[in-house]
């Protein structure tokens, strides 16, 4: 066998996973949920626990993106879970240091990418996203079940990799730095400040807009190829010779944006995990609109 392609380092397809159901070295995670448009009535964010209870890929456990992988008492909405909290969750779910984790959702990996980022940030790069997710799996007539797997506890060790995350201070230093490119992965209307989910509207000054919707194609939101993803970024002035910082509202779409950069091999890219919800808290942090 040859070395895996860059795409194979981050994604698996439905055929690959179907051939490995029941493999004890693999753990499958369902992260279905809902992100509604910012001009829709609240709540904008929902988990998919009821959908999971009705049917899911055999062997999958459910992880709630709004409750399980966040720090509940943090002042910023959807702050990433602490190393200890995250390790305890993984251990309870039977996900250990030795396992390959496959994560899926039903919206182009929009939500699943958050767990992909967290696992990498906490030193577990053995994680892949299911390209096409649950909709593609079901459309192909592959098996589903309502049975909840009973995995024994495992040992998960959090080992922080700081290069995967930046904080507000680093973002402030990046403004106006020609060697750094800030990428806003929200939709164009959020970017322009016409709509917003926070207390303030707008974008971080100097940011360019690369919406995550541009990364997908087809009815199941499968990922576009490397050449197309590279062209999307280069057309926005995001080139591999710069340091790239992705952000959105809460670091979820920004995780998708970071994955896109990894898929095209950009060597220096990180997630501003607190994103707009963190940025807007400091009135001295500038914003642009228009």
C-alpha atoms as a PDB file:
ATOM      1  CA  UNK A   1       0.000   0.000   0.000  1.00  0.00           C
ATOM      2  CA  UNK A   2       1.168   3.497  -0.799  1.00  0.00           C
ATOM      3  CA  UNK A   3       1.175   6.436   1.535  1.00  0.00           C
ATOM      4  CA  UNK A   4      -2.296   7.891   2.151  1.00  0.00           C
ATOM      5  CA  UNK A   5      -3.255  10.961   0.168  1.00  0.00           C
ATOM      6  CA  UNK A   6      -3.789  14.226   1.964  1.00  0.00           C
ATOM      7  CA  UNK A   7      -7.542  13.765   1.581  1.00  0.00           C
ATOM      8  CA  UNK A   8      -7.328  10.322   3.198  1.00  0.00           C
ATOM      9  CA  UNK A   9      -5.639  11.914   6.205  1.00  0.00           C
ATOM     10  CA  UNK A  10      -8.826  13.821   6.977  1.00  0.00           C
ATOM     11  CA  UNK A  11     -11.803  12.157   5.258  1.00  0.00           C
ATOM     12  CA  UNK A  12     -13.243   8.701   4.679  1.00  0.00           C
ATOM     13  CA  UNK A  13     -16.070   7.763   2.328  1.00  0.00           C
ATOM     14  CA  UNK A  14     -19.156   5.716   3.067  1.00  0.00           C
ATOM     15  CA  UNK A  15     -17.820   2.607   1.340  1.00  0.00           C
ATOM     16  CA  UNK A  16     -14.695   2.678   3.514  1.00  0.00           C
ATOM     17  CA  UNK A  17     -16.707   2.915   6.723  1.00  0.00           C
ATOM     18  CA  UNK A  18     -19.281   0.308   5.663  1.00  0.00           C
ATOM     19  CA  UNK A  19     -16.459  -2.208   5.198  1.00  0.00           C
ATOM     20  CA  UNK A  20     -15.231  -1.573   8.746  1.00  0.00           C
ATOM     21  CA  UNK A  21     -18.362  -1.583  10.883  1.00  0.00           C
ATOM     22  CA  UNK A  22     -17.609  -3.571  14.004  1.00  0.00           C
ATOM     23  CA  UNK A  23     -13.852  -2.966  13.824  1.00  0.00           C
ATOM     24  CA  UNK A  24     -12.747  -2.728  17.467  1.00  0.00           C
ATOM     25  CA  UNK A  25      -9.993  -0.245  16.569  1.00  0.00           C
ATOM     26  CA  UNK A  26     -12.564   2.288  15.322  1.00  0.00           C
ATOM     27  CA  UNK A  27     -14.982   4.475  17.243  1.00  0.00           C
ATOM     28  CA  UNK A  28     -17.839   6.236  15.414  1.00  0.00           C
ATOM     29  CA  UNK A  29     -19.363   9.485  16.653  1.00  0.00           C
ATOM     30  CA  UNK A  30     -22.689  10.987  15.562  1.00  0.00           C
ATOM     31  CA  UNK A  31     -22.718  14.795  15.896  1.00  0.00           C
ATOM     32  CA  UNK A  32     -25.869  15.697  14.057  1.00  0.00           C
ATOM     33  CA  UNK A  33     -27.398  19.053  14.900  1.00  0.00           C
ATOM     34  CA  UNK A  34     -28.822  22.215  13.421  1.00  0.00           C
ATOM     35  CA  UNK A  35     -27.380  25.655  12.682  1.00  0.00           C
ATOM     36  CA  UNK A  36     -30.150  28.012  11.597  1.00  0.00           C
ATOM     37  CA  UNK A  37     -29.545  31.244   9.670  1.00  0.00           C
ATOM     38  CA  UNK A  38     -28.904  34.334  11.818  1.00  0.00           C
ATOM     39  CA  UNK A  39     -32.109  35.981  10.598  1.00  0.00           C
ATOM     40  CA  UNK A  40     -34.200  32.930  11.580  1.00  0.00           C
ATOM     41  CA  UNK A  41     -36.096  32.828  14.900  1.00  0.00           C
ATOM     42  CA  UNK A  42     -34.131  31.538  17.876  1.00  0.00           C
ATOM     43  CA  UNK A  43     -32.929  29.036  18.875  1.00  0.00           C
ATOM     44  CA  UNK A  44     -30.250  29.180  16.189  1.00  0.00           C
ATOM     45  CA  UNK A  45     -28.428  26.113  17.481  1.00  0.00           C
ATOM     46  CA  UNK A  46     -29.847  22.672  18.209  1.00  0.00           C
ATOM     47  CA  UNK A  47     -28.486  19.221  18.940  1.00  0.00           C
ATOM     48  CA  UNK A  48     -29.693  16.086  17.173  1.00  0.00           C
ATOM     49  CA  UNK A  49     -30.188  13.672  20.055  1.00  0.00           C
ATOM     50  CA  UNK A  50     -33.725  12.741  18.992  1.00  0.00           C
ATOM     51  CA  UNK A  51     -32.560  11.966  15.465  1.00  0.00           C
ATOM     52  CA  UNK A  52     -29.760   9.815  16.907  1.00  0.00           C
ATOM     53  CA  UNK A  53     -32.211   7.944  19.149  1.00  0.00           C
ATOM     54  CA  UNK A  54     -34.397   7.178  16.132  1.00  0.00           C
ATOM     55  CA  UNK A  55     -31.597   5.832  13.921  1.00  0.00           C
ATOM     56  CA  UNK A  56     -27.851   6.148  13.462  1.00  0.00           C
ATOM     57  CA  UNK A  57     -24.897   4.363  11.924  1.00  0.00           C
ATOM     58  CA  UNK A  58     -24.295   1.082  13.785  1.00  0.00           C
ATOM     59  CA  UNK A  59     -21.751   1.477  16.556  1.00  0.00           C
ATOM     60  CA  UNK A  60     -22.041   5.262  16.746  1.00  0.00           C
ATOM     61  CA  UNK A  61     -22.233   7.133  20.035  1.00  0.00           C
ATOM     62  CA  UNK A  62     -23.738  10.608  20.254  1.00  0.00           C
ATOM     63  CA  UNK A  63     -21.793  13.712  21.244  1.00  0.00           C
ATOM     64  CA  UNK A  64     -23.680  16.962  21.748  1.00  0.00           C
ATOM     65  CA  UNK A  65     -21.863  19.927  20.254  1.00  0.00           C
ATOM     66  CA  UNK A  66     -23.688  22.404  22.516  1.00  0.00           C
ATOM     67  CA  UNK A  67     -23.367  20.513  25.795  1.00  0.00           C
ATOM     68  CA  UNK A  68     -20.766  17.757  25.787  1.00  0.00           C
ATOM     69  CA  UNK A  69     -17.696  19.425  24.258  1.00  0.00           C
ATOM     70  CA  UNK A  70     -18.066  22.877  25.800  1.00  0.00           C
ATOM     71  CA  UNK A  71     -17.027  24.383  29.121  1.00  0.00           C
ATOM     72  CA  UNK A  72     -20.419  25.083  30.737  1.00  0.00           C
ATOM     73  CA  UNK A  73     -19.344  27.868  33.102  1.00  0.00           C
ATOM     74  CA  UNK A  74     -17.125  29.783  30.690  1.00  0.00           C
ATOM     75  CA  UNK A  75     -18.068  33.423  29.998  1.00  0.00           C
ATOM     76  CA  UNK A  76     -17.903  32.950  26.211  1.00  0.00           C
ATOM     77  CA  UNK A  77     -20.604  30.886  24.517  1.00  0.00           C
ATOM     78  CA  UNK A  78     -19.482  27.466  23.291  1.00  0.00           C
ATOM     79  CA  UNK A  79     -15.999  27.710  24.773  1.00  0.00           C
ATOM     80  CA  UNK A  80     -14.137  24.472  24.079  1.00  0.00           C
ATOM     81  CA  UNK A  81     -14.147  21.933  26.892  1.00  0.00           C
ATOM     82  CA  UNK A  82     -11.085  21.926  29.143  1.00  0.00           C
ATOM     83  CA  UNK A  83      -8.494  19.149  28.700  1.00  0.00           C
ATOM     84  CA  UNK A  84      -9.794  17.280  31.734  1.00  0.00           C
ATOM     85  CA  UNK A  85     -13.466  17.584  30.823  1.00  0.00           C
ATOM     86  CA  UNK A  86     -12.788  16.502  27.260  1.00  0.00           C
ATOM     87  CA  UNK A  87     -10.639  13.523  28.282  1.00  0.00           C
ATOM     88  CA  UNK A  88     -13.308  12.372  30.746  1.00  0.00           C
ATOM     89  CA  UNK A  89     -15.986  12.530  28.040  1.00  0.00           C
ATOM     90  CA  UNK A  90     -13.921  10.538  25.572  1.00  0.00           C
ATOM     91  CA  UNK A  91     -13.089   7.956  28.234  1.00  0.00           C
ATOM     92  CA  UNK A  92     -16.755   7.495  29.207  1.00  0.00           C
ATOM     93  CA  UNK A  93     -17.659   6.973  25.557  1.00  0.00           C
ATOM     94  CA  UNK A  94     -15.014   4.283  25.170  1.00  0.00           C
ATOM     95  CA  UNK A  95     -12.753   6.423  22.975  1.00  0.00           C
ATOM     96  CA  UNK A  96      -9.157   5.849  23.946  1.00  0.00           C
ATOM     97  CA  UNK A  97      -5.717   6.888  22.816  1.00  0.00           C
ATOM     98  CA  UNK A  98      -5.526   3.809  20.599  1.00  0.00           C
ATOM     99  CA  UNK A  99      -8.700   4.400  18.578  1.00  0.00           C
ATOM    100  CA  UNK A 100      -9.328   5.867  15.149  1.00  0.00           C
ATOM    101  CA  UNK A 101     -12.356   8.147  15.479  1.00  0.00           C
ATOM    102  CA  UNK A 102     -14.831   8.627  12.603  1.00  0.00           C
ATOM    103  CA  UNK A 103     -17.186  11.580  13.036  1.00  0.00           C
ATOM    104  CA  UNK A 104     -20.269  12.441  10.992  1.00  0.00           C
ATOM    105  CA  UNK A 105     -23.213  14.809  10.934  1.00  0.00           C
ATOM    106  CA  UNK A 106     -25.906  15.629   8.370  1.00  0.00           C
ATOM    107  CA  UNK A 107     -24.669  19.017   7.138  1.00  0.00           C
ATOM    108  CA  UNK A 108     -21.381  18.651   5.272  1.00  0.00           C
ATOM    109  CA  UNK A 109     -19.395  18.054   8.484  1.00  0.00           C
ATOM    110  CA  UNK A 110     -20.257  21.570   9.625  1.00  0.00           C
ATOM    111  CA  UNK A 111     -20.690  20.418  13.222  1.00  0.00           C
ATOM    112  CA  UNK A 112     -18.559  17.264  13.091  1.00  0.00           C
ATOM    113  CA  UNK A 113     -15.520  19.397  12.236  1.00  0.00           C
ATOM    114  CA  UNK A 114     -15.668  20.910  15.720  1.00  0.00           C
ATOM    115  CA  UNK A 115     -14.877  17.518  17.246  1.00  0.00           C
ATOM    116  CA  UNK A 116     -12.254  16.908  14.542  1.00  0.00           C
ATOM    117  CA  UNK A 117     -10.557  20.134  15.619  1.00  0.00           C
ATOM    118  CA  UNK A 118     -10.833  19.377  19.341  1.00  0.00           C
ATOM    119  CA  UNK A 119      -9.359  15.903  18.957  1.00  0.00           C
ATOM    120  CA  UNK A 120      -6.425  17.336  17.028  1.00  0.00           C
ATOM    121  CA  UNK A 121      -6.006  20.185  19.512  1.00  0.00           C
ATOM    122  CA  UNK A 122      -5.896  17.670  22.338  1.00  0.00           C
ATOM    123  CA  UNK A 123      -3.270  15.555  20.615  1.00  0.00           C
ATOM    124  CA  UNK A 124      -5.355  12.869  18.918  1.00  0.00           C
ATOM    125  CA  UNK A 125      -4.854  13.205  15.146  1.00  0.00           C
ATOM    126  CA  UNK A 126      -6.365   9.753  14.521  1.00  0.00           C
ATOM    127  CA  UNK A 127      -9.709  11.236  13.487  1.00  0.00           C
ATOM    128  CA  UNK A 128     -11.479  11.379  10.117  1.00  0.00           C
ATOM    129  CA  UNK A 129     -14.752  12.887   8.949  1.00  0.00           C
ATOM    130  CA  UNK A 130     -17.296  10.912   6.941  1.00  0.00           C
ATOM    131  CA  UNK A 131     -17.579  12.662   3.585  1.00  0.00           C
ATOM    132  CA  UNK A 132     -21.249  13.123   2.719  1.00  0.00           C
ATOM    133  CA  UNK A 133     -22.217  12.213   6.262  1.00  0.00           C
ATOM    134  CA  UNK A 134     -25.451  10.597   7.340  1.00  0.00           C
ATOM    135  CA  UNK A 135     -27.542  11.752   4.343  1.00  0.00           C
ATOM    136  CA  UNK A 136     -25.228  10.007   1.871  1.00  0.00           C
ATOM    137  CA  UNK A 137     -25.060   6.904   4.070  1.00  0.00           C
ATOM    138  CA  UNK A 138     -28.858   6.600   4.184  1.00  0.00           C
ATOM    139  CA  UNK A 139     -29.324   7.408   0.479  1.00  0.00           C
ATOM    140  CA  UNK A 140     -27.036   4.517  -0.385  1.00  0.00           C
ATOM    141  CA  UNK A 141     -29.190   2.116   1.635  1.00  0.00           C
ATOM    142  CA  UNK A 142     -26.519   1.376   4.204  1.00  0.00           C
ATOM    143  CA  UNK A 143     -27.474  -0.033   7.617  1.00  0.00           C
ATOM    144  CA  UNK A 144     -28.828   2.053  10.471  1.00  0.00           C
ATOM    145  CA  UNK A 145     -29.960   1.137  13.963  1.00  0.00           C
ATOM    146  CA  UNK A 146     -31.528   2.588  17.087  1.00  0.00           C
ATOM    147  CA  UNK A 147     -29.329   0.431  19.330  1.00  0.00           C
ATOM    148  CA  UNK A 148     -26.898   2.356  21.545  1.00  0.00           C
ATOM    149  CA  UNK A 149     -23.464   0.700  21.705  1.00  0.00           C
ATOM    150  CA  UNK A 150     -22.113  -0.340  25.086  1.00  0.00           C
ATOM    151  CA  UNK A 151     -18.420   0.360  24.978  1.00  0.00           C
ATOM    152  CA  UNK A 152     -16.332  -0.116  28.086  1.00  0.00           C
ATOM    153  CA  UNK A 153     -14.472   2.882  29.481  1.00  0.00           C
ATOM    154  CA  UNK A 154     -11.184   3.825  27.867  1.00  0.00           C
ATOM    155  CA  UNK A 155      -8.197   5.998  28.661  1.00  0.00           C
ATOM    156  CA  UNK A 156      -7.949   9.216  26.672  1.00  0.00           C
ATOM    157  CA  UNK A 157      -4.998  11.484  27.312  1.00  0.00           C
ATOM    158  CA  UNK A 158      -5.326  15.171  26.455  1.00  0.00           C
ATOM    159  CA  UNK A 159      -2.060  16.579  25.121  1.00  0.00           C
ATOM    160  CA  UNK A 160      -2.584  20.193  24.088  1.00  0.00           C
ATOM    161  CA  UNK A 161      -1.126  21.159  20.708  1.00  0.00           C
ATOM    162  CA  UNK A 162      -1.091  24.974  20.952  1.00  0.00           C
ATOM    163  CA  UNK A 163      -0.443  25.476  17.248  1.00  0.00           C
ATOM    164  CA  UNK A 164      -4.055  24.475  16.545  1.00  0.00           C
ATOM    165  CA  UNK A 165      -5.583  27.400  18.451  1.00  0.00           C
ATOM    166  CA  UNK A 166      -5.145  31.148  18.785  1.00  0.00           C
ATOM    167  CA  UNK A 167      -6.562  33.657  21.258  1.00  0.00           C
ATOM    168  CA  UNK A 168      -7.756  37.244  20.920  1.00  0.00           C
ATOM    169  CA  UNK A 169      -4.329  38.727  21.708  1.00  0.00           C
ATOM    170  CA  UNK A 170      -2.803  36.925  18.724  1.00  0.00           C
ATOM    171  CA  UNK A 171      -5.655  38.086  16.501  1.00  0.00           C
ATOM    172  CA  UNK A 172      -5.127  41.702  17.562  1.00  0.00           C
ATOM    173  CA  UNK A 173      -1.457  41.416  16.664  1.00  0.00           C
ATOM    174  CA  UNK A 174      -2.397  39.933  13.291  1.00  0.00           C
ATOM    175  CA  UNK A 175      -4.451  42.963  12.209  1.00  0.00           C
ATOM    176  CA  UNK A 176      -2.434  44.791   9.574  1.00  0.00           C
ATOM    177  CA  UNK A 177       0.324  42.174   9.509  1.00  0.00           C
ATOM    178  CA  UNK A 178       0.969  41.258   5.845  1.00  0.00           C
ATOM    179  CA  UNK A 179       2.291  37.861   6.892  1.00  0.00           C
ATOM    180  CA  UNK A 180      -1.038  36.862   8.489  1.00  0.00           C
ATOM    181  CA  UNK A 181      -4.414  36.408   6.828  1.00  0.00           C
ATOM    182  CA  UNK A 182      -7.618  36.474   8.888  1.00  0.00           C
ATOM    183  CA  UNK A 183     -10.327  34.329   7.285  1.00  0.00           C
ATOM    184  CA  UNK A 184     -13.971  34.826   8.228  1.00  0.00           C
ATOM    185  CA  UNK A 185     -15.813  31.582   7.456  1.00  0.00           C
ATOM    186  CA  UNK A 186     -19.315  32.935   8.073  1.00  0.00           C
ATOM    187  CA  UNK A 187     -21.774  33.818   5.339  1.00  0.00           C
ATOM    188  CA  UNK A 188     -21.435  37.065   3.365  1.00  0.00           C
ATOM    189  CA  UNK A 189     -24.244  38.839   5.238  1.00  0.00           C
ATOM    190  CA  UNK A 190     -22.611  38.127   8.610  1.00  0.00           C
ATOM    191  CA  UNK A 191     -19.280  39.282   7.183  1.00  0.00           C
ATOM    192  CA  UNK A 192     -20.756  42.586   6.008  1.00  0.00           C
ATOM    193  CA  UNK A 193     -22.542  43.157   9.320  1.00  0.00           C
ATOM    194  CA  UNK A 194     -26.045  43.012   7.840  1.00  0.00           C
ATOM    195  CA  UNK A 195     -27.021  40.227  10.241  1.00  0.00           C
ATOM    196  CA  UNK A 196     -25.377  38.772  13.311  1.00  0.00           C
ATOM    197  CA  UNK A 197     -25.728  36.354  16.188  1.00  0.00           C
ATOM    198  CA  UNK A 198     -23.830  38.373  18.804  1.00  0.00           C
ATOM    199  CA  UNK A 199     -24.256  41.654  20.622  1.00  0.00           C
ATOM    200  CA  UNK A 200     -22.238  43.441  17.942  1.00  0.00           C
ATOM    201  CA  UNK A 201     -22.246  43.005  14.184  1.00  0.00           C
ATOM    202  CA  UNK A 202     -19.445  43.075  11.666  1.00  0.00           C
ATOM    203  CA  UNK A 203     -16.071  41.449  11.165  1.00  0.00           C
ATOM    204  CA  UNK A 204     -12.533  41.665  12.437  1.00  0.00           C
ATOM    205  CA  UNK A 205     -10.714  44.402  10.470  1.00  0.00           C
ATOM    206  CA  UNK A 206      -8.696  43.127   7.537  1.00  0.00           C
ATOM    207  CA  UNK A 207     -10.457  39.766   7.378  1.00  0.00           C
ATOM    208  CA  UNK A 208     -11.445  38.191   4.074  1.00  0.00           C
ATOM    209  CA  UNK A 209     -14.629  36.190   3.589  1.00  0.00           C
ATOM    210  CA  UNK A 210     -14.388  32.515   2.630  1.00  0.00           C
ATOM    211  CA  UNK A 211     -17.807  30.987   3.463  1.00  0.00           C
ATOM    212  CA  UNK A 212     -17.809  27.305   4.298  1.00  0.00           C
ATOM    213  CA  UNK A 213     -20.660  26.736   1.836  1.00  0.00           C
ATOM    214  CA  UNK A 214     -18.141  27.213  -0.970  1.00  0.00           C
ATOM    215  CA  UNK A 215     -16.279  24.039   0.069  1.00  0.00           C
ATOM    216  CA  UNK A 216     -19.064  21.545  -0.700  1.00  0.00           C
ATOM    217  CA  UNK A 217     -20.826  20.197  -3.748  1.00  0.00           C
ATOM    218  CA  UNK A 218     -23.737  17.927  -4.603  1.00  0.00           C
ATOM    219  CA  UNK A 219     -26.848  16.897  -2.672  1.00  0.00           C
ATOM    220  CA  UNK A 220     -24.869  15.471   0.266  1.00  0.00           C
ATOM    221  CA  UNK A 221     -22.396  18.361   0.644  1.00  0.00           C
ATOM    222  CA  UNK A 222     -19.368  16.266  -0.162  1.00  0.00           C
ATOM    223  CA  UNK A 223     -16.026  18.037  -0.164  1.00  0.00           C
ATOM    224  CA  UNK A 224     -14.670  19.569  -3.348  1.00  0.00           C
ATOM    225  CA  UNK A 225     -11.252  18.512  -4.610  1.00  0.00           C
ATOM    226  CA  UNK A 226      -7.930  19.992  -3.587  1.00  0.00           C
ATOM    227  CA  UNK A 227      -7.519  22.142  -6.701  1.00  0.00           C
ATOM    228  CA  UNK A 228     -10.938  23.735  -6.232  1.00  0.00           C
ATOM    229  CA  UNK A 229     -10.379  24.384  -2.545  1.00  0.00           C
ATOM    230  CA  UNK A 230      -7.013  25.955  -3.273  1.00  0.00           C
ATOM    231  CA  UNK A 231      -8.526  28.198  -5.941  1.00  0.00           C
ATOM    232  CA  UNK A 232     -11.260  29.345  -3.562  1.00  0.00           C
ATOM    233  CA  UNK A 233      -8.678  30.473  -1.027  1.00  0.00           C
ATOM    234  CA  UNK A 234      -6.252  31.991  -3.483  1.00  0.00           C
ATOM    235  CA  UNK A 235      -9.045  34.038  -5.071  1.00  0.00           C
ATOM    236  CA  UNK A 236      -9.581  35.585  -1.622  1.00  0.00           C
ATOM    237  CA  UNK A 237      -5.869  36.301  -1.246  1.00  0.00           C
ATOM    238  CA  UNK A 238      -5.241  33.401   1.126  1.00  0.00           C
ATOM    239  CA  UNK A 239      -1.985  31.790   0.039  1.00  0.00           C
ATOM    240  CA  UNK A 240       0.184  29.075   1.592  1.00  0.00           C
ATOM    241  CA  UNK A 241       3.049  31.476   2.315  1.00  0.00           C
ATOM    242  CA  UNK A 242       0.989  33.259   5.000  1.00  0.00           C
ATOM    243  CA  UNK A 243      -0.083  32.323   8.482  1.00  0.00           C
ATOM    244  CA  UNK A 244      -3.867  31.828   8.415  1.00  0.00           C
ATOM    245  CA  UNK A 245      -6.317  32.315  11.283  1.00  0.00           C
ATOM    246  CA  UNK A 246      -9.894  31.151  10.776  1.00  0.00           C
ATOM    247  CA  UNK A 247     -12.857  32.441  12.745  1.00  0.00           C
ATOM    248  CA  UNK A 248     -16.661  32.562  12.707  1.00  0.00           C
ATOM    249  CA  UNK A 249     -19.081  33.170  15.590  1.00  0.00           C
ATOM    250  CA  UNK A 250     -18.099  30.371  17.968  1.00  0.00           C
ATOM    251  CA  UNK A 251     -15.238  28.500  16.278  1.00  0.00           C
ATOM    252  CA  UNK A 252     -17.473  25.862  14.661  1.00  0.00           C
ATOM    253  CA  UNK A 253     -17.523  27.048  11.039  1.00  0.00           C
ATOM    254  CA  UNK A 254     -13.923  28.112  11.655  1.00  0.00           C
ATOM    255  CA  UNK A 255     -13.094  24.445  12.276  1.00  0.00           C
ATOM    256  CA  UNK A 256     -14.520  23.666   8.828  1.00  0.00           C
ATOM    257  CA  UNK A 257     -12.394  26.464   7.402  1.00  0.00           C
ATOM    258  CA  UNK A 258      -9.313  25.061   9.100  1.00  0.00           C
ATOM    259  CA  UNK A 259     -10.043  21.609   7.688  1.00  0.00           C
ATOM    260  CA  UNK A 260     -10.265  23.098   4.188  1.00  0.00           C
ATOM    261  CA  UNK A 261      -6.810  24.632   4.653  1.00  0.00           C
ATOM    262  CA  UNK A 262      -5.411  21.323   5.877  1.00  0.00           C
ATOM    263  CA  UNK A 263      -6.903  19.569   2.839  1.00  0.00           C
ATOM    264  CA  UNK A 264      -4.903  21.843   0.536  1.00  0.00           C
ATOM    265  CA  UNK A 265      -1.748  21.572   2.625  1.00  0.00           C
ATOM    266  CA  UNK A 266      -1.408  25.089   4.017  1.00  0.00           C
ATOM    267  CA  UNK A 267       1.426  24.722   6.537  1.00  0.00           C
ATOM    268  CA  UNK A 268       0.463  27.367   9.104  1.00  0.00           C
ATOM    269  CA  UNK A 269      -3.205  27.638  10.033  1.00  0.00           C
ATOM    270  CA  UNK A 270      -5.092  27.772  13.322  1.00  0.00           C
ATOM    271  CA  UNK A 271      -8.596  28.283  14.712  1.00  0.00           C
ATOM    272  CA  UNK A 272      -9.540  31.383  16.691  1.00  0.00           C
ATOM    273  CA  UNK A 273     -11.719  29.139  18.797  1.00  0.00           C
ATOM    274  CA  UNK A 274     -13.518  31.892  20.715  1.00  0.00           C
ATOM    275  CA  UNK A 275     -14.219  33.704  17.446  1.00  0.00           C
ATOM    276  CA  UNK A 276     -16.735  36.566  17.285  1.00  0.00           C
ATOM    277  CA  UNK A 277     -18.404  35.737  20.597  1.00  0.00           C
ATOM    278  CA  UNK A 278     -15.036  36.217  22.272  1.00  0.00           C
ATOM    279  CA  UNK A 279     -13.953  39.195  20.138  1.00  0.00           C
ATOM    280  CA  UNK A 280     -17.089  41.264  20.754  1.00  0.00           C
ATOM    281  CA  UNK A 281     -16.765  41.046  24.553  1.00  0.00           C
ATOM    282  CA  UNK A 282     -13.927  43.589  24.592  1.00  0.00           C
ATOM    283  CA  UNK A 283     -15.209  47.021  23.482  1.00  0.00           C
ATOM    284  CA  UNK A 284     -11.664  47.967  22.521  1.00  0.00           C
ATOM    285  CA  UNK A 285     -11.589  45.267  19.861  1.00  0.00           C
ATOM    286  CA  UNK A 286     -12.341  46.969  16.537  1.00  0.00           C
ATOM    287  CA  UNK A 287     -14.941  45.857  13.991  1.00  0.00           C
ATOM    288  CA  UNK A 288     -15.690  46.645  10.365  1.00  0.00           C
ATOM    289  CA  UNK A 289     -18.965  46.542   8.452  1.00  0.00           C
ATOM    290  CA  UNK A 290     -19.916  46.929   4.825  1.00  0.00           C
END
